[in-house]
Amino acid sequence: MLRQIAALPVRANADGTIDVFLVTSRGSGRWIIPKGWPMSGRSGAAAAAIEAMEEAGVLGVISEKPIGAFHYVKRFSHGNELCRVDVFSLRVVRQRES
């Protein structure tokens, strides 16, 4: 089974509401959380934080332990493979303008 990492970027507002930051996928245009492959020399949490910055333009404090996981079928040109995605919570501190 393949493994990926993801960040769930969230921000608590002064009025008690919570914002969840999502991005759209390039292929289908569906709303997703930022995810990617593990990075050599980086923890899963660190890699998830980098994915959140690259894909959603958010920076913040990442949880060191996953808050959960999900499975999906990853499509490749050579066929499909099951993939487990470990999800790390990211408390958004700053959002890039673009």
PDB file of N, CA and C in Angstrom:
ATOM      1  N   MET A   1       0.847  -1.183   0.000  1.00  0.00           N
ATOM      2  CA  MET A   1       0.000   0.000   0.000  1.00  0.00           C
ATOM      3  C   MET A   1       0.885   1.237   0.000  1.00  0.00           C
ATOM      4  N   LEU A   2       0.532   2.192  -0.841  1.00  0.00           N
ATOM      5  CA  LEU A   2       1.251   3.459  -0.906  1.00  0.00           C
ATOM      6  C   LEU A   2       0.858   4.336   0.278  1.00  0.00           C
ATOM      7  N   ARG A   3       1.704   5.310   0.590  1.00  0.00           N
ATOM      8  CA  ARG A   3       1.420   6.230   1.689  1.00  0.00           C
ATOM      9  C   ARG A   3       1.615   7.661   1.220  1.00  0.00           C
ATOM     10  N   GLN A   4       0.672   8.516   1.602  1.00  0.00           N
ATOM     11  CA  GLN A   4       0.794   9.949   1.387  1.00  0.00           C
ATOM     12  C   GLN A   4       0.543  10.670   2.703  1.00  0.00           C
ATOM     13  N   ILE A   5       0.821  11.959   2.704  1.00  0.00           N
ATOM     14  CA  ILE A   5       0.579  12.800   3.876  1.00  0.00           C
ATOM     15  C   ILE A   5      -0.303  13.968   3.433  1.00  0.00           C
ATOM     16  N   ALA A   6      -1.063  14.513   4.389  1.00  0.00           N
ATOM     17  CA  ALA A   6      -1.934  15.645   4.082  1.00  0.00           C
ATOM     18  C   ALA A   6      -2.010  16.565   5.282  1.00  0.00           C
ATOM     19  N   ALA A   7      -2.374  17.806   5.010  1.00  0.00           N
ATOM     20  CA  ALA A   7      -2.605  18.784   6.073  1.00  0.00           C
ATOM     21  C   ALA A   7      -4.070  19.197   6.031  1.00  0.00           C
ATOM     22  N   LEU A   8      -4.661  19.336   7.203  1.00  0.00           N
ATOM     23  CA  LEU A   8      -6.010  19.898   7.312  1.00  0.00           C
ATOM     24  C   LEU A   8      -5.844  21.284   7.916  1.00  0.00           C
ATOM     25  N   PRO A   9      -5.743  22.324   7.073  1.00  0.00           N
ATOM     26  CA  PRO A   9      -5.527  23.678   7.582  1.00  0.00           C
ATOM     27  C   PRO A   9      -6.817  24.264   8.161  1.00  0.00           C
ATOM     28  N   VAL A  10      -6.736  24.723   9.408  1.00  0.00           N
ATOM     29  CA  VAL A  10      -7.892  25.312  10.094  1.00  0.00           C
ATOM     30  C   VAL A  10      -7.480  26.603  10.788  1.00  0.00           C
ATOM     31  N   ARG A  11      -8.462  27.501  10.951  1.00  0.00           N
ATOM     32  CA  ARG A  11      -8.219  28.761  11.667  1.00  0.00           C
ATOM     33  C   ARG A  11      -9.423  29.050  12.536  1.00  0.00           C
ATOM     34  N   ALA A  12      -9.175  29.322  13.818  1.00  0.00           N
ATOM     35  CA  ALA A  12     -10.239  29.723  14.739  1.00  0.00           C
ATOM     36  C   ALA A  12     -10.392  31.235  14.661  1.00  0.00           C
ATOM     37  N   ASN A  13     -11.638  31.687  14.546  1.00  0.00           N
ATOM     38  CA  ASN A  13     -11.931  33.118  14.465  1.00  0.00           C
ATOM     39  C   ASN A  13     -12.390  33.644  15.820  1.00  0.00           C
ATOM     40  N   ALA A  14     -12.307  34.948  15.983  1.00  0.00           N
ATOM     41  CA  ALA A  14     -12.673  35.588  17.248  1.00  0.00           C
ATOM     42  C   ALA A  14     -14.131  35.333  17.633  1.00  0.00           C
ATOM     43  N   ASP A  15     -15.005  35.130  16.641  1.00  0.00           N
ATOM     44  CA  ASP A  15     -16.425  34.912  16.936  1.00  0.00           C
ATOM     45  C   ASP A  15     -16.770  33.450  17.245  1.00  0.00           C
ATOM     46  N   GLY A  16     -15.727  32.591  17.327  1.00  0.00           N
ATOM     47  CA  GLY A  16     -15.953  31.195  17.669  1.00  0.00           C
ATOM     48  C   GLY A  16     -16.120  30.276  16.467  1.00  0.00           C
ATOM     49  N   THR A  17     -16.202  30.836  15.267  1.00  0.00           N
ATOM     50  CA  THR A  17     -16.311  29.994  14.078  1.00  0.00           C
ATOM     51  C   THR A  17     -14.935  29.480  13.673  1.00  0.00           C
ATOM     52  N   ILE A  18     -14.939  28.455  12.841  1.00  0.00           N
ATOM     53  CA  ILE A  18     -13.691  27.864  12.370  1.00  0.00           C
ATOM     54  C   ILE A  18     -13.700  27.851  10.849  1.00  0.00           C
ATOM     55  N   ASP A  19     -12.590  28.269  10.260  1.00  0.00           N
ATOM     56  CA  ASP A  19     -12.402  28.194   8.817  1.00  0.00           C
ATOM     57  C   ASP A  19     -11.564  26.958   8.506  1.00  0.00           C
ATOM     58  N   VAL A  20     -11.968  26.200   7.489  1.00  0.00           N
ATOM     59  CA  VAL A  20     -11.190  25.077   6.978  1.00  0.00           C
ATOM     60  C   VAL A  20     -10.749  25.462   5.574  1.00  0.00           C
ATOM     61  N   PHE A  21      -9.453  25.388   5.309  1.00  0.00           N
ATOM     62  CA  PHE A  21      -8.895  25.791   4.027  1.00  0.00           C
ATOM     63  C   PHE A  21      -8.812  24.582   3.105  1.00  0.00           C
ATOM     64  N   LEU A  22      -9.444  24.680   1.945  1.00  0.00           N
ATOM     65  CA  LEU A  22      -9.428  23.622   0.947  1.00  0.00           C
ATOM     66  C   LEU A  22      -8.849  24.170  -0.353  1.00  0.00           C
ATOM     67  N   VAL A  23      -8.411  23.275  -1.209  1.00  0.00           N
ATOM     68  CA  VAL A  23      -7.950  23.650  -2.543  1.00  0.00           C
ATOM     69  C   VAL A  23      -8.711  22.800  -3.552  1.00  0.00           C
ATOM     70  N   THR A  24      -8.692  23.227  -4.806  1.00  0.00           N
ATOM     71  CA  THR A  24      -9.328  22.401  -5.839  1.00  0.00           C
ATOM     72  C   THR A  24      -8.257  21.583  -6.545  1.00  0.00           C
ATOM     73  N   SER A  25      -8.618  20.363  -6.889  1.00  0.00           N
ATOM     74  CA  SER A  25      -7.679  19.498  -7.597  1.00  0.00           C
ATOM     75  C   SER A  25      -7.532  19.975  -9.036  1.00  0.00           C
ATOM     76  N   ARG A  26      -6.362  19.756  -9.597  1.00  0.00           N
ATOM     77  CA  ARG A  26      -6.107  20.185 -10.981  1.00  0.00           C
ATOM     78  C   ARG A  26      -6.944  19.389 -11.974  1.00  0.00           C
ATOM     79  N   GLY A  27      -7.067  18.103 -11.735  1.00  0.00           N
ATOM     80  CA  GLY A  27      -7.758  17.254 -12.699  1.00  0.00           C
ATOM     81  C   GLY A  27      -9.265  17.397 -12.700  1.00  0.00           C
ATOM     82  N   SER A  28      -9.877  17.181 -11.533  1.00  0.00           N
ATOM     83  CA  SER A  28     -11.343  17.128 -11.467  1.00  0.00           C
ATOM     84  C   SER A  28     -11.981  18.429 -11.000  1.00  0.00           C
ATOM     85  N   GLY A  29     -11.188  19.302 -10.365  1.00  0.00           N
ATOM     86  CA  GLY A  29     -11.752  20.528  -9.823  1.00  0.00           C
ATOM     87  C   GLY A  29     -12.499  20.328  -8.517  1.00  0.00           C
ATOM     88  N   ARG A  30     -12.404  19.115  -7.928  1.00  0.00           N
ATOM     89  CA  ARG A  30     -13.065  18.844  -6.651  1.00  0.00           C
ATOM     90  C   ARG A  30     -12.310  19.512  -5.507  1.00  0.00           C
ATOM     91  N   TRP A  31     -13.031  19.803  -4.420  1.00  0.00           N
ATOM     92  CA  TRP A  31     -12.412  20.368  -3.226  1.00  0.00           C
ATOM     93  C   TRP A  31     -11.683  19.261  -2.478  1.00  0.00           C
ATOM     94  N   ILE A  32     -10.410  19.527  -2.132  1.00  0.00           N
ATOM     95  CA  ILE A  32      -9.573  18.548  -1.440  1.00  0.00           C
ATOM     96  C   ILE A  32      -8.746  19.254  -0.374  1.00  0.00           C
ATOM     97  N   ILE A  33      -8.099  18.451   0.476  1.00  0.00           N
ATOM     98  CA  ILE A  33      -7.111  19.015   1.392  1.00  0.00           C
ATOM     99  C   ILE A  33      -5.735  18.828   0.746  1.00  0.00           C
ATOM    100  N   PRO A  34      -4.783  19.726   1.057  1.00  0.00           N
ATOM    101  CA  PRO A  34      -3.448  19.611   0.464  1.00  0.00           C
ATOM    102  C   PRO A  34      -2.795  18.287   0.873  1.00  0.00           C
ATOM    103  N   LYS A  35      -2.293  17.540  -0.099  1.00  0.00           N
ATOM    104  CA  LYS A  35      -1.633  16.276   0.203  1.00  0.00           C
ATOM    105  C   LYS A  35      -0.531  16.006  -0.790  1.00  0.00           C
ATOM    106  N   GLY A  36       0.335  15.079  -0.439  1.00  0.00           N
ATOM    107  CA  GLY A  36       1.431  14.721  -1.329  1.00  0.00           C
ATOM    108  C   GLY A  36       2.184  13.529  -0.797  1.00  0.00           C
ATOM    109  N   TRP A  37       3.326  13.280  -1.389  1.00  0.00           N
ATOM    110  CA  TRP A  37       4.154  12.138  -1.019  1.00  0.00           C
ATOM    111  C   TRP A  37       5.082  12.507   0.134  1.00  0.00           C
ATOM    112  N   PRO A  38       5.468  11.519   0.952  1.00  0.00           N
ATOM    113  CA  PRO A  38       6.470  11.787   1.990  1.00  0.00           C
ATOM    114  C   PRO A  38       7.748  12.345   1.353  1.00  0.00           C
ATOM    115  N   MET A  39       8.485  13.131   2.134  1.00  0.00           N
ATOM    116  CA  MET A  39       9.707  13.753   1.627  1.00  0.00           C
ATOM    117  C   MET A  39      10.903  13.200   2.395  1.00  0.00           C
ATOM    118  N   SER A  40      11.904  12.787   1.672  1.00  0.00           N
ATOM    119  CA  SER A  40      13.108  12.229   2.279  1.00  0.00           C
ATOM    120  C   SER A  40      13.726  13.234   3.253  1.00  0.00           C
ATOM    121  N   GLY A  41      14.041  12.762   4.444  1.00  0.00           N
ATOM    122  CA  GLY A  41      14.680  13.612   5.443  1.00  0.00           C
ATOM    123  C   GLY A  41      13.729  14.501   6.222  1.00  0.00           C
ATOM    124  N   ARG A  42      12.418  14.402   5.956  1.00  0.00           N
ATOM    125  CA  ARG A  42      11.426  15.214   6.672  1.00  0.00           C
ATOM    126  C   ARG A  42      10.399  14.301   7.324  1.00  0.00           C
ATOM    127  N   SER A  43       9.907  14.731   8.467  1.00  0.00           N
ATOM    128  CA  SER A  43       8.832  13.986   9.124  1.00  0.00           C
ATOM    129  C   SER A  43       7.554  14.122   8.302  1.00  0.00           C
ATOM    130  N   GLY A  44       6.584  13.260   8.574  1.00  0.00           N
ATOM    131  CA  GLY A  44       5.296  13.369   7.907  1.00  0.00           C
ATOM    132  C   GLY A  44       4.660  14.726   8.157  1.00  0.00           C
ATOM    133  N   ALA A  45       4.779  15.220   9.404  1.00  0.00           N
ATOM    134  CA  ALA A  45       4.210  16.524   9.752  1.00  0.00           C
ATOM    135  C   ALA A  45       4.869  17.646   8.960  1.00  0.00           C
ATOM    136  N   ALA A  46       6.194  17.616   8.869  1.00  0.00           N
ATOM    137  CA  ALA A  46       6.915  18.664   8.136  1.00  0.00           C
ATOM    138  C   ALA A  46       6.544  18.639   6.653  1.00  0.00           C
ATOM    139  N   ALA A  47       6.447  17.452   6.080  1.00  0.00           N
ATOM    140  CA  ALA A  47       6.069  17.340   4.670  1.00  0.00           C
ATOM    141  C   ALA A  47       4.643  17.845   4.450  1.00  0.00           C
ATOM    142  N   ALA A  48       3.740  17.554   5.372  1.00  0.00           N
ATOM    143  CA  ALA A  48       2.356  18.020   5.261  1.00  0.00           C
ATOM    144  C   ALA A  48       2.297  19.548   5.317  1.00  0.00           C
ATOM    145  N   ALA A  49       3.113  20.155   6.185  1.00  0.00           N
ATOM    146  CA  ALA A  49       3.149  21.617   6.287  1.00  0.00           C
ATOM    147  C   ALA A  49       3.646  22.237   4.984  1.00  0.00           C
ATOM    148  N   ILE A  50       4.625  21.612   4.348  1.00  0.00           N
ATOM    149  CA  ILE A  50       5.139  22.112   3.071  1.00  0.00           C
ATOM    150  C   ILE A  50       4.059  22.011   1.996  1.00  0.00           C
ATOM    151  N   GLU A  51       3.338  20.885   1.963  1.00  0.00           N
ATOM    152  CA  GLU A  51       2.248  20.732   0.992  1.00  0.00           C
ATOM    153  C   GLU A  51       1.185  21.820   1.184  1.00  0.00           C
ATOM    154  N   ALA A  52       0.851  22.138   2.445  1.00  0.00           N
ATOM    155  CA  ALA A  52      -0.151  23.172   2.725  1.00  0.00           C
ATOM    156  C   ALA A  52       0.311  24.533   2.214  1.00  0.00           C
ATOM    157  N   MET A  53       1.595  24.822   2.370  1.00  0.00           N
ATOM    158  CA  MET A  53       2.120  26.097   1.897  1.00  0.00           C
ATOM    159  C   MET A  53       2.127  26.129   0.368  1.00  0.00           C
ATOM    160  N   GLU A  54       2.575  25.041  -0.261  1.00  0.00           N
ATOM    161  CA  GLU A  54       2.674  25.016  -1.721  1.00  0.00           C
ATOM    162  C   GLU A  54       1.304  25.005  -2.397  1.00  0.00           C
ATOM    163  N   GLU A  55       0.369  24.226  -1.866  1.00  0.00           N
ATOM    164  CA  GLU A  55      -0.920  24.049  -2.539  1.00  0.00           C
ATOM    165  C   GLU A  55      -2.005  25.022  -2.086  1.00  0.00           C
ATOM    166  N   ALA A  56      -1.973  25.442  -0.816  1.00  0.00           N
ATOM    167  CA  ALA A  56      -3.028  26.318  -0.302  1.00  0.00           C
ATOM    168  C   ALA A  56      -2.515  27.696   0.105  1.00  0.00           C
ATOM    169  N   GLY A  57      -1.200  27.876   0.121  1.00  0.00           N
ATOM    170  CA  GLY A  57      -0.640  29.176   0.479  1.00  0.00           C
ATOM    171  C   GLY A  57      -0.815  29.535   1.941  1.00  0.00           C
ATOM    172  N   VAL A  58      -0.861  28.512   2.814  1.00  0.00           N
ATOM    173  CA  VAL A  58      -1.042  28.775   4.241  1.00  0.00           C
ATOM    174  C   VAL A  58       0.171  28.298   5.025  1.00  0.00           C
ATOM    175  N   LEU A  59       0.497  29.068   6.063  1.00  0.00           N
ATOM    176  CA  LEU A  59       1.587  28.729   6.967  1.00  0.00           C
ATOM    177  C   LEU A  59       1.023  28.671   8.372  1.00  0.00           C
ATOM    178  N   GLY A  60       1.581  27.776   9.180  1.00  0.00           N
ATOM    179  CA  GLY A  60       1.064  27.675  10.532  1.00  0.00           C
ATOM    180  C   GLY A  60       1.792  26.643  11.356  1.00  0.00           C
ATOM    181  N   VAL A  61       1.129  26.218  12.410  1.00  0.00           N
ATOM    182  CA  VAL A  61       1.683  25.252  13.352  1.00  0.00           C
ATOM    183  C   VAL A  61       1.057  23.889  13.070  1.00  0.00           C
ATOM    184  N   ILE A  62       1.904  22.921  12.736  1.00  0.00           N
ATOM    185  CA  ILE A  62       1.431  21.586  12.357  1.00  0.00           C
ATOM    186  C   ILE A  62       1.477  20.654  13.567  1.00  0.00           C
ATOM    187  N   SER A  63       0.494  19.769  13.672  1.00  0.00           N
ATOM    188  CA  SER A  63       0.512  18.756  14.735  1.00  0.00           C
ATOM    189  C   SER A  63       1.589  17.732  14.394  1.00  0.00           C
ATOM    190  N   GLU A  64       2.274  17.225  15.392  1.00  0.00           N
ATOM    191  CA  GLU A  64       3.331  16.242  15.161  1.00  0.00           C
ATOM    192  C   GLU A  64       2.779  14.845  14.918  1.00  0.00           C
ATOM    193  N   LYS A  65       1.580  14.593  15.407  1.00  0.00           N
ATOM    194  CA  LYS A  65       0.954  13.285  15.222  1.00  0.00           C
ATOM    195  C   LYS A  65      -0.260  13.436  14.326  1.00  0.00           C
ATOM    196  N   PRO A  66      -0.524  12.441  13.467  1.00  0.00           N
ATOM    197  CA  PRO A  66      -1.711  12.520  12.607  1.00  0.00           C
ATOM    198  C   PRO A  66      -2.992  12.563  13.443  1.00  0.00           C
ATOM    199  N   ILE A  67      -3.983  13.290  12.953  1.00  0.00           N
ATOM    200  CA  ILE A  67      -5.291  13.330  13.624  1.00  0.00           C
ATOM    201  C   ILE A  67      -6.223  12.281  13.049  1.00  0.00           C
ATOM    202  N   GLY A  68      -5.797  11.628  11.990  1.00  0.00           N
ATOM    203  CA  GLY A  68      -6.600  10.586  11.361  1.00  0.00           C
ATOM    204  C   GLY A  68      -5.977  10.174  10.041  1.00  0.00           C
ATOM    205  N   ALA A  69      -6.689   9.328   9.327  1.00  0.00           N
ATOM    206  CA  ALA A  69      -6.209   8.835   8.036  1.00  0.00           C
ATOM    207  C   ALA A  69      -7.405   8.452   7.182  1.00  0.00           C
ATOM    208  N   PHE A  70      -7.181   8.382   5.880  1.00  0.00           N
ATOM    209  CA  PHE A  70      -8.192   7.850   4.972  1.00  0.00           C
ATOM    210  C   PHE A  70      -7.489   7.095   3.853  1.00  0.00           C
ATOM    211  N   HIS A  71      -8.252   6.273   3.174  1.00  0.00           N
ATOM    212  CA  HIS A  71      -7.734   5.492   2.057  1.00  0.00           C
ATOM    213  C   HIS A  71      -8.455   5.904   0.779  1.00  0.00           C
ATOM    214  N   TYR A  72      -7.741   5.844  -0.329  1.00  0.00           N
ATOM    215  CA  TYR A  72      -8.370   6.074  -1.624  1.00  0.00           C
ATOM    216  C   TYR A  72      -7.590   5.304  -2.680  1.00  0.00           C
ATOM    217  N   VAL A  73      -8.181   5.170  -3.849  1.00  0.00           N
ATOM    218  CA  VAL A  73      -7.525   4.491  -4.952  1.00  0.00           C
ATOM    219  C   VAL A  73      -6.828   5.539  -5.810  1.00  0.00           C
ATOM    220  N   LYS A  74      -5.503   5.440  -5.878  1.00  0.00           N
ATOM    221  CA  LYS A  74      -4.675   6.357  -6.668  1.00  0.00           C
ATOM    222  C   LYS A  74      -4.570   5.792  -8.077  1.00  0.00           C
ATOM    223  N   ARG A  75      -4.891   6.609  -9.055  1.00  0.00           N
ATOM    224  CA  ARG A  75      -4.858   6.161 -10.451  1.00  0.00           C
ATOM    225  C   ARG A  75      -3.512   6.505 -11.086  1.00  0.00           C
ATOM    226  N   PHE A  76      -2.917   5.508 -11.702  1.00  0.00           N
ATOM    227  CA  PHE A  76      -1.667   5.662 -12.440  1.00  0.00           C
ATOM    228  C   PHE A  76      -1.883   5.159 -13.864  1.00  0.00           C
ATOM    229  N   SER A  77      -0.986   5.517 -14.760  1.00  0.00           N
ATOM    230  CA  SER A  77      -1.101   5.032 -16.140  1.00  0.00           C
ATOM    231  C   SER A  77      -0.947   3.512 -16.203  1.00  0.00           C
ATOM    232  N   HIS A  78      -0.203   2.938 -15.253  1.00  0.00           N
ATOM    233  CA  HIS A  78       0.009   1.488 -15.239  1.00  0.00           C
ATOM    234  C   HIS A  78      -1.069   0.734 -14.450  1.00  0.00           C
ATOM    235  N   GLY A  79      -2.008   1.462 -13.852  1.00  0.00           N
ATOM    236  CA  GLY A  79      -3.063   0.820 -13.073  1.00  0.00           C
ATOM    237  C   GLY A  79      -3.358   1.582 -11.799  1.00  0.00           C
ATOM    238  N   ASN A  80      -4.217   1.029 -10.972  1.00  0.00           N
ATOM    239  CA  ASN A  80      -4.633   1.680  -9.738  1.00  0.00           C
ATOM    240  C   ASN A  80      -3.975   1.014  -8.533  1.00  0.00           C
ATOM    241  N   GLU A  81      -3.708   1.826  -7.502  1.00  0.00           N
ATOM    242  CA  GLU A  81      -3.141   1.288  -6.264  1.00  0.00           C
ATOM    243  C   GLU A  81      -3.826   1.949  -5.071  1.00  0.00           C
ATOM    244  N   LEU A  82      -3.989   1.159  -4.013  1.00  0.00           N
ATOM    245  CA  LEU A  82      -4.573   1.674  -2.780  1.00  0.00           C
ATOM    246  C   LEU A  82      -3.549   2.554  -2.076  1.00  0.00           C
ATOM    247  N   CYS A  83      -4.002   3.683  -1.569  1.00  0.00           N
ATOM    248  CA  CYS A  83      -3.122   4.645  -0.913  1.00  0.00           C
ATOM    249  C   CYS A  83      -3.721   5.045   0.433  1.00  0.00           C
ATOM    250  N   ARG A  84      -2.891   5.045   1.472  1.00  0.00           N
ATOM    251  CA  ARG A  84      -3.291   5.530   2.792  1.00  0.00           C
ATOM    252  C   ARG A  84      -2.741   6.946   2.955  1.00  0.00           C
ATOM    253  N   VAL A  85      -3.601   7.852   3.416  1.00  0.00           N
ATOM    254  CA  VAL A  85      -3.200   9.240   3.626  1.00  0.00           C
ATOM    255  C   VAL A  85      -3.296   9.563   5.113  1.00  0.00           C
ATOM    256  N   ASP A  86      -2.157   9.881   5.733  1.00  0.00           N
ATOM    257  CA  ASP A  86      -2.138  10.330   7.124  1.00  0.00           C
ATOM    258  C   ASP A  86      -2.374  11.833   7.132  1.00  0.00           C
ATOM    259  N   VAL A  87      -3.320  12.290   7.966  1.00  0.00           N
ATOM    260  CA  VAL A  87      -3.732  13.697   7.976  1.00  0.00           C
ATOM    261  C   VAL A  87      -3.237  14.371   9.256  1.00  0.00           C
ATOM    262  N   PHE A  88      -2.566  15.503   9.080  1.00  0.00           N
ATOM    263  CA  PHE A  88      -2.039  16.294  10.189  1.00  0.00           C
ATOM    264  C   PHE A  88      -2.800  17.619  10.260  1.00  0.00           C
ATOM    265  N   SER A  89      -3.177  18.026  11.445  1.00  0.00           N
ATOM    266  CA  SER A  89      -3.855  19.302  11.638  1.00  0.00           C
ATOM    267  C   SER A  89      -2.843  20.442  11.544  1.00  0.00           C
ATOM    268  N   LEU A  90      -3.219  21.504  10.834  1.00  0.00           N
ATOM    269  CA  LEU A  90      -2.369  22.688  10.709  1.00  0.00           C
ATOM    270  C   LEU A  90      -3.154  23.900  11.172  1.00  0.00           C
ATOM    271  N   ARG A  91      -2.719  24.515  12.280  1.00  0.00           N
ATOM    272  CA  ARG A  91      -3.354  25.749  12.760  1.00  0.00           C
ATOM    273  C   ARG A  91      -2.773  26.910  11.960  1.00  0.00           C
ATOM    274  N   VAL A  92      -3.597  27.496  11.106  1.00  0.00           N
ATOM    275  CA  VAL A  92      -3.138  28.538  10.187  1.00  0.00           C
ATOM    276  C   VAL A  92      -2.824  29.811  10.969  1.00  0.00           C
ATOM    277  N   VAL A  93      -1.616  30.323  10.706  1.00  0.00           N
ATOM    278  CA  VAL A  93      -1.170  31.578  11.297  1.00  0.00           C
ATOM    279  C   VAL A  93      -1.177  32.688  10.247  1.00  0.00           C
ATOM    280  N   ARG A  94      -0.864  32.310   9.016  1.00  0.00           N
ATOM    281  CA  ARG A  94      -0.777  33.307   7.945  1.00  0.00           C
ATOM    282  C   ARG A  94      -1.194  32.693   6.610  1.00  0.00           C
ATOM    283  N   GLN A  95      -1.827  33.506   5.793  1.00  0.00           N
ATOM    284  CA  GLN A  95      -2.211  33.078   4.451  1.00  0.00           C
ATOM    285  C   GLN A  95      -1.510  33.976   3.448  1.00  0.00           C
ATOM    286  N   ARG A  96      -0.847  33.382   2.472  1.00  0.00           N
ATOM    287  CA  ARG A  96      -0.159  34.172   1.448  1.00  0.00           C
ATOM    288  C   ARG A  96      -1.201  34.846   0.555  1.00  0.00           C
ATOM    289  N   GLU A  97      -0.844  35.987   0.005  1.00  0.00           N
ATOM    290  CA  GLU A  97      -1.763  36.731  -0.842  1.00  0.00           C
ATOM    291  C   GLU A  97      -2.055  36.033  -2.154  1.00  0.00           C
ATOM    292  N   SER A  98      -1.069  35.303  -2.675  1.00  0.00           N
ATOM    293  CA  SER A  98      -1.285  34.573  -3.933  1.00  0.00           C
ATOM    294  C   SER A  98      -0.611  33.218  -3.865  1.00  0.00           C
TER     295      SER A  98
END
